[in-house]
Amino acid sequence: MLNMLNTPSRPRFDLLRIPFLGNFLRWKHSRTAVQIPLFILAALMVVDGLLGSPLAAKNTATVAAWVHYRGFVVLALLLVGNLFCAACPFMLPRTLAKWLGRPTARWPRALRNKWLAVGALIAIVYCYELFDLWASPWWTAWLIVAYFAAAFVIEALFTRSSFCMYVCPLGTFNFLYSTVSPTKISARSLDVCRTCVGHDCINGNAAQQGCQLELYVPTLRSNLDCTLCLDCVKACPHDNVALAVRPPAQELFDRTWPRRLDLALLAVLATFLALVNAFAMTPPAYVLE
């Protein structure tokens, strides 16, 4: 695999080289440290959604989910990268799920694509528009509960991060738009990767798990499928993984995506759903509803 790589080149600018920021990101528990506050926020949203004010504008569940979350995610993707997946609260209980389930089964080969995620994304947007989820704290709270339950069950039944890779509609949305983000995981030196024996970035080691989405750093050409969890950074014994800064939207011109129908539909769908959502929020359309 490595003999197909291009000539080694160092990233122009590596965020992991910035003092304090780099130290924090390389810290073993850095992801957990940012997941815990979001997990607590999600729990508060569920409690407020089920027991708090039925008015959407006065309820944490609807305001945080349908106003602040969407704005934060889009800005983060455009300005930094896939920050929500990096701090995803739905993955915080993963260790417990793996311990309880002790999974040995891999995700079914026939489902190793984006079709389930695309279907889930369509279902959420359809329910959002049809049932005015943005105006219902109660249903928003149950949607959050269902999301946690689905992630927990799938992580308990299958090895690796099958939920993130093949099921999660929010993550799939983030994957798509992270392809225009100005950051990307890359190898600092491909020569080091060529001589590496353990490939800890993907296989892991006794101290740190490798990439649970089975993305191999020296062959990583796109942000598609990368959750920015930084497991590869922490697992690499050679400190050879960079969080590189690159020109925004570079992937749109480099043609790094594999030619697959599910990815093509995902790109078209994301554009279409954005237009539908914007149209549904205009006064004439909303009055018709």
Protein backbone atom coordinates (compact mmCIF):
# COMPACT_ATOMS: atom_id res chain seq x y z
CA MET A 1 0.00 0.00 0.00
CA LEU A 2 2.78 2.44 0.90
CA ASN A 3 4.66 1.93 -2.35
CA MET A 4 1.80 3.73 -4.08
CA LEU A 5 2.24 6.91 -2.06
CA ASN A 6 3.54 10.12 -3.54
CA THR A 7 6.85 11.74 -2.66
CA PRO A 8 6.95 12.60 1.07
CA SER A 9 6.20 16.20 1.95
CA ARG A 10 5.80 17.89 5.30
CA PRO A 11 2.56 19.77 6.03
CA ARG A 12 2.98 23.50 5.54
CA PHE A 13 1.50 24.26 8.95
CA ASP A 14 0.68 21.77 11.69
CA LEU A 15 -1.76 22.82 14.43
CA LEU A 16 -0.29 20.16 16.70
CA ARG A 17 2.97 22.14 16.77
CA ILE A 18 1.28 25.10 18.47
CA PRO A 19 2.27 25.24 22.16
CA PHE A 20 -0.46 24.32 24.67
CA LEU A 21 -3.00 23.58 21.91
CA GLY A 22 -0.87 20.76 20.53
CA ASN A 23 -0.15 19.46 24.02
CA PHE A 24 -3.85 19.37 24.84
CA LEU A 25 -4.85 17.68 21.58
CA ARG A 26 -2.17 15.00 22.02
CA TRP A 27 -3.26 14.35 25.61
CA LYS A 28 -4.82 10.89 25.94
CA HIS A 29 -8.00 12.20 27.56
CA SER A 30 -8.47 15.34 25.46
CA ARG A 31 -11.48 14.01 23.58
CA THR A 32 -13.19 12.84 26.75
CA ALA A 33 -12.57 16.25 28.31
CA VAL A 34 -14.60 17.96 25.58
CA GLN A 35 -17.19 15.20 25.30
CA ILE A 36 -18.24 15.38 28.96
CA PRO A 37 -19.58 18.98 28.82
CA LEU A 38 -21.58 18.17 25.67
CA PHE A 39 -22.88 14.97 27.27
CA ILE A 40 -24.06 16.98 30.29
CA LEU A 41 -25.66 19.52 27.95
CA ALA A 42 -27.44 16.72 26.08
CA ALA A 43 -28.74 15.33 29.37
CA LEU A 44 -30.02 18.77 30.40
CA MET A 45 -31.70 19.14 27.00
CA VAL A 46 -33.51 15.84 27.49
CA VAL A 47 -34.66 16.76 31.00
CA ASP A 48 -35.81 20.23 29.95
CA GLY A 49 -37.44 18.86 26.82
CA LEU A 50 -39.49 16.33 28.78
CA LEU A 51 -40.21 18.34 31.91
CA GLY A 52 -39.64 21.99 31.03
CA SER A 53 -41.58 24.65 29.18
CA PRO A 54 -43.56 23.43 26.15
CA LEU A 55 -42.69 26.68 24.38
CA ALA A 56 -39.83 26.07 21.97
CA ALA A 57 -38.29 29.51 22.45
CA LYS A 58 -38.05 28.96 26.20
CA ASN A 59 -36.77 25.38 26.18
CA THR A 60 -33.12 24.34 26.10
CA ALA A 61 -33.85 21.26 23.98
CA THR A 62 -35.22 23.13 20.97
CA VAL A 63 -33.07 26.26 21.24
CA ALA A 64 -29.79 24.38 21.64
CA ALA A 65 -30.57 21.69 19.05
CA TRP A 66 -32.26 23.63 16.28
CA VAL A 67 -30.71 27.10 16.66
CA HIS A 68 -27.28 27.08 18.28
CA TYR A 69 -26.11 23.59 17.25
CA ARG A 70 -26.70 24.07 13.54
CA GLY A 71 -24.99 27.44 13.47
CA PHE A 72 -22.00 26.21 15.44
CA VAL A 73 -21.52 23.12 13.27
CA VAL A 74 -21.57 25.02 9.98
CA LEU A 75 -19.18 27.72 11.20
CA ALA A 76 -16.86 25.13 12.72
CA LEU A 77 -16.76 23.10 9.50
CA LEU A 78 -15.98 26.18 7.42
CA LEU A 79 -13.45 27.76 9.77
CA VAL A 80 -11.76 24.83 11.52
CA GLY A 81 -12.96 21.30 10.80
CA ASN A 82 -15.25 18.52 12.01
CA LEU A 83 -15.35 19.73 15.62
CA PHE A 84 -18.72 18.23 16.53
CA CYS A 85 -17.68 14.68 15.63
CA ALA A 86 -14.41 15.29 17.46
CA ALA A 87 -16.38 16.13 20.63
CA CYS A 88 -19.41 13.94 19.91
CA PRO A 89 -21.32 13.19 23.15
CA PHE A 90 -23.06 10.19 21.57
CA MET A 91 -19.71 8.35 21.54
CA LEU A 92 -18.88 9.01 25.19
CA PRO A 93 -20.65 5.78 26.38
CA ARG A 94 -18.79 3.73 23.72
CA THR A 95 -16.35 2.17 26.21
CA LEU A 96 -19.25 0.91 28.32
CA ALA A 97 -21.05 -0.38 25.22
CA LYS A 98 -17.97 -2.28 24.05
CA TRP A 99 -17.40 -3.70 27.55
CA LEU A 100 -21.00 -4.88 27.91
CA GLY A 101 -21.38 -6.20 24.39
CA ARG A 102 -17.81 -7.48 23.83
CA PRO A 103 -18.53 -7.42 20.08
CA THR A 104 -16.73 -9.71 17.67
CA ALA A 105 -18.97 -9.24 14.62
CA ARG A 106 -18.05 -6.78 11.91
CA TRP A 107 -20.61 -4.55 10.23
CA PRO A 108 -22.35 -6.45 7.37
CA ARG A 109 -20.40 -6.07 4.15
CA ALA A 110 -23.53 -5.24 2.14
CA LEU A 111 -24.16 -2.23 4.39
CA ARG A 112 -20.65 -0.77 4.29
CA ASN A 113 -21.75 2.34 2.46
CA LYS A 114 -23.71 5.53 3.14
CA TRP A 115 -27.18 4.32 2.16
CA LEU A 116 -28.40 3.84 5.74
CA ALA A 117 -27.01 7.22 6.78
CA VAL A 118 -28.59 8.90 3.76
CA GLY A 119 -31.93 7.29 4.59
CA ALA A 120 -31.67 8.39 8.22
CA LEU A 121 -30.81 11.93 7.15
CA ILE A 122 -33.85 12.07 4.87
CA ALA A 123 -36.06 10.70 7.67
CA ILE A 124 -34.87 13.31 10.18
CA VAL A 125 -35.35 16.21 7.76
CA TYR A 126 -38.77 14.87 6.72
CA CYS A 127 -39.91 14.58 10.36
CA TYR A 128 -38.40 17.97 11.14
CA GLU A 129 -40.55 19.63 8.48
CA LEU A 130 -43.66 17.48 8.82
CA PHE A 131 -43.95 17.52 12.61
CA ASP A 132 -42.27 20.89 13.30
CA LEU A 133 -39.61 19.32 15.51
CA TRP A 134 -38.08 22.74 16.02
CA ALA A 135 -41.28 23.71 17.86
CA SER A 136 -41.57 20.56 19.99
CA PRO A 137 -39.22 20.25 22.99
CA TRP A 138 -40.81 16.89 23.87
CA TRP A 139 -40.11 15.24 20.51
CA THR A 140 -36.67 16.82 20.33
CA ALA A 141 -35.81 15.27 23.70
CA TRP A 142 -36.93 11.84 22.55
CA LEU A 143 -34.95 12.23 19.34
CA ILE A 144 -31.82 12.79 21.44
CA VAL A 145 -32.63 9.73 23.56
CA ALA A 146 -33.17 7.63 20.43
CA TYR A 147 -29.85 8.82 19.04
CA PHE A 148 -27.98 7.78 22.18
CA ALA A 149 -29.78 4.43 22.22
CA ALA A 150 -29.01 3.68 18.56
CA ALA A 151 -25.34 4.58 18.97
CA PHE A 152 -25.03 2.48 22.15
CA VAL A 153 -26.69 -0.62 20.69
CA ILE A 154 -24.73 -0.57 17.43
CA GLU A 155 -21.42 0.01 19.24
CA ALA A 156 -22.24 -2.90 21.58
CA LEU A 157 -23.03 -5.27 18.72
CA PHE A 158 -20.29 -4.49 16.20
CA THR A 159 -16.55 -3.91 16.28
CA ARG A 160 -14.90 -0.61 15.42
CA SER A 161 -17.05 2.55 14.98
CA SER A 162 -19.79 1.17 12.77
CA PHE A 163 -22.32 3.76 13.92
CA CYS A 164 -20.10 6.69 12.94
CA MET A 165 -19.02 5.18 9.65
CA TYR A 166 -22.26 3.77 8.28
CA VAL A 167 -25.32 4.96 10.25
CA CYS A 168 -24.99 8.39 11.87
CA PRO A 169 -26.84 11.02 9.77
CA LEU A 170 -25.33 13.96 11.67
CA GLY A 171 -21.84 12.58 11.20
CA THR A 172 -22.49 11.94 7.52
CA PHE A 173 -23.55 15.57 7.10
CA ASN A 174 -20.37 16.65 8.88
CA PHE A 175 -18.22 14.30 6.80
CA LEU A 176 -19.58 15.81 3.61
CA TYR A 177 -19.00 19.43 4.56
CA SER A 178 -15.66 18.75 6.25
CA THR A 179 -14.29 18.16 2.76
CA VAL A 180 -14.19 21.97 2.41
CA SER A 181 -12.62 22.47 5.86
CA PRO A 182 -9.17 24.08 6.11
CA THR A 183 -7.68 21.25 8.19
CA LYS A 184 -6.87 17.59 7.53
CA ILE A 185 -5.09 14.68 9.20
CA SER A 186 -1.91 13.78 7.32
CA ALA A 187 1.48 12.14 7.78
CA ARG A 188 4.40 14.43 8.54
CA SER A 189 6.81 12.15 6.71
CA LEU A 190 5.81 9.27 4.46
CA ASP A 191 9.31 7.83 4.86
CA VAL A 192 8.52 7.18 8.52
CA CYS A 193 5.28 5.45 7.53
CA ARG A 194 7.11 3.24 5.03
CA THR A 195 9.45 1.93 7.71
CA CYS A 196 6.78 1.61 10.42
CA VAL A 197 6.14 -2.01 11.41
CA GLY A 198 3.18 -1.83 13.78
CA HIS A 199 1.03 0.75 11.95
CA ASP A 200 -0.29 1.80 15.35
CA CYS A 201 -2.30 4.67 13.83
CA ILE A 202 -4.80 2.10 12.59
CA ASN A 203 -4.02 -1.01 14.67
CA GLY A 204 -3.53 0.70 18.02
CA ASN A 205 -1.29 -0.49 20.84
CA ALA A 206 -1.43 -1.37 24.52
CA ALA A 207 -1.79 2.27 25.56
CA GLN A 208 -4.03 3.70 22.83
CA GLN A 209 -6.58 2.41 20.33
CA GLY A 210 -6.02 3.13 16.66
CA CYS A 211 -8.47 4.63 14.20
CA GLN A 212 -11.85 3.00 14.80
CA LEU A 213 -12.96 3.95 11.29
CA GLU A 214 -9.97 2.08 9.82
CA LEU A 215 -8.52 5.09 8.04
CA TYR A 216 -4.80 4.69 7.36
CA VAL A 217 -3.01 8.02 7.81
CA PRO A 218 -0.45 7.86 4.95
CA THR A 219 -3.17 6.98 2.43
CA LEU A 220 -5.74 9.46 3.75
CA ARG A 221 -6.64 11.83 0.92
CA SER A 222 -9.99 13.18 2.09
CA ASN A 223 -11.78 14.27 5.26
CA LEU A 224 -14.68 12.05 4.22
CA ASP A 225 -15.23 9.55 7.08
CA CYS A 226 -12.72 11.25 9.43
CA THR A 227 -14.24 12.19 12.79
CA LEU A 228 -11.14 14.14 13.84
CA CYS A 229 -10.99 12.01 17.00
CA LEU A 230 -7.15 12.18 16.92
CA ASP A 231 -6.75 8.54 18.01
CA CYS A 232 -4.17 8.18 15.25
CA VAL A 233 -2.21 11.13 16.66
CA LYS A 234 -2.11 9.61 20.14
CA ALA A 235 -1.35 6.08 18.93
CA CYS A 236 1.56 6.91 16.60
CA PRO A 237 4.82 6.03 18.44
CA HIS A 238 6.83 8.20 16.02
CA ASP A 239 4.82 11.43 16.52
CA ASN A 240 4.36 11.43 12.76
CA VAL A 241 0.70 12.49 12.44
CA ALA A 242 -0.15 16.13 11.73
CA LEU A 243 -3.31 18.18 11.88
CA ALA A 244 -2.39 20.11 8.79
CA VAL A 245 -3.76 23.41 7.55
CA ARG A 246 -4.66 23.40 3.86
CA PRO A 247 -6.46 25.68 1.40
CA PRO A 248 -10.25 25.67 2.06
CA ALA A 249 -12.30 23.58 -0.39
CA GLN A 250 -9.15 21.96 -1.76
CA GLU A 251 -10.89 18.59 -2.10
CA LEU A 252 -13.39 20.05 -4.55
CA PHE A 253 -10.57 20.50 -7.03
CA ASP A 254 -8.35 17.49 -6.23
CA ARG A 255 -11.00 14.85 -6.98
CA THR A 256 -10.18 12.80 -3.90
CA TRP A 257 -13.62 11.22 -3.48
CA PRO A 258 -14.19 7.63 -4.60
CA ARG A 259 -16.70 7.33 -7.44
CA ARG A 260 -19.72 5.89 -5.63
CA LEU A 261 -23.43 6.40 -6.19
CA ASP A 262 -24.18 6.77 -2.47
CA LEU A 263 -21.66 9.62 -2.13
CA ALA A 264 -22.98 11.32 -5.26
CA LEU A 265 -26.54 11.14 -3.93
CA LEU A 266 -25.36 12.44 -0.56
CA ALA A 267 -23.81 15.52 -2.15
CA VAL A 268 -26.95 16.25 -4.21
CA LEU A 269 -29.21 15.56 -1.24
CA ALA A 270 -27.33 17.92 1.07
CA THR A 271 -27.78 20.77 -1.39
CA PHE A 272 -31.44 19.93 -2.03
CA LEU A 273 -32.34 19.62 1.65
CA ALA A 274 -30.69 22.94 2.44
CA LEU A 275 -32.85 24.64 -0.19
CA VAL A 276 -36.00 22.87 1.02
CA ASN A 277 -35.32 23.88 4.62
CA ALA A 278 -34.68 27.49 3.63
CA PHE A 279 -37.86 27.57 1.51
CA ALA A 280 -39.95 26.08 4.32
CA MET A 281 -38.83 28.87 6.64
CA THR A 282 -40.06 31.67 4.37
CA PRO A 283 -43.44 33.21 5.33
CA PRO A 284 -45.47 32.10 2.26
CA ALA A 285 -44.40 28.48 2.58
CA TYR A 286 -44.86 28.41 6.32
CA VAL A 287 -48.39 29.85 6.00
CA LEU A 288 -49.26 27.07 3.54
CA GLU A 289 -48.16 24.49 6.08
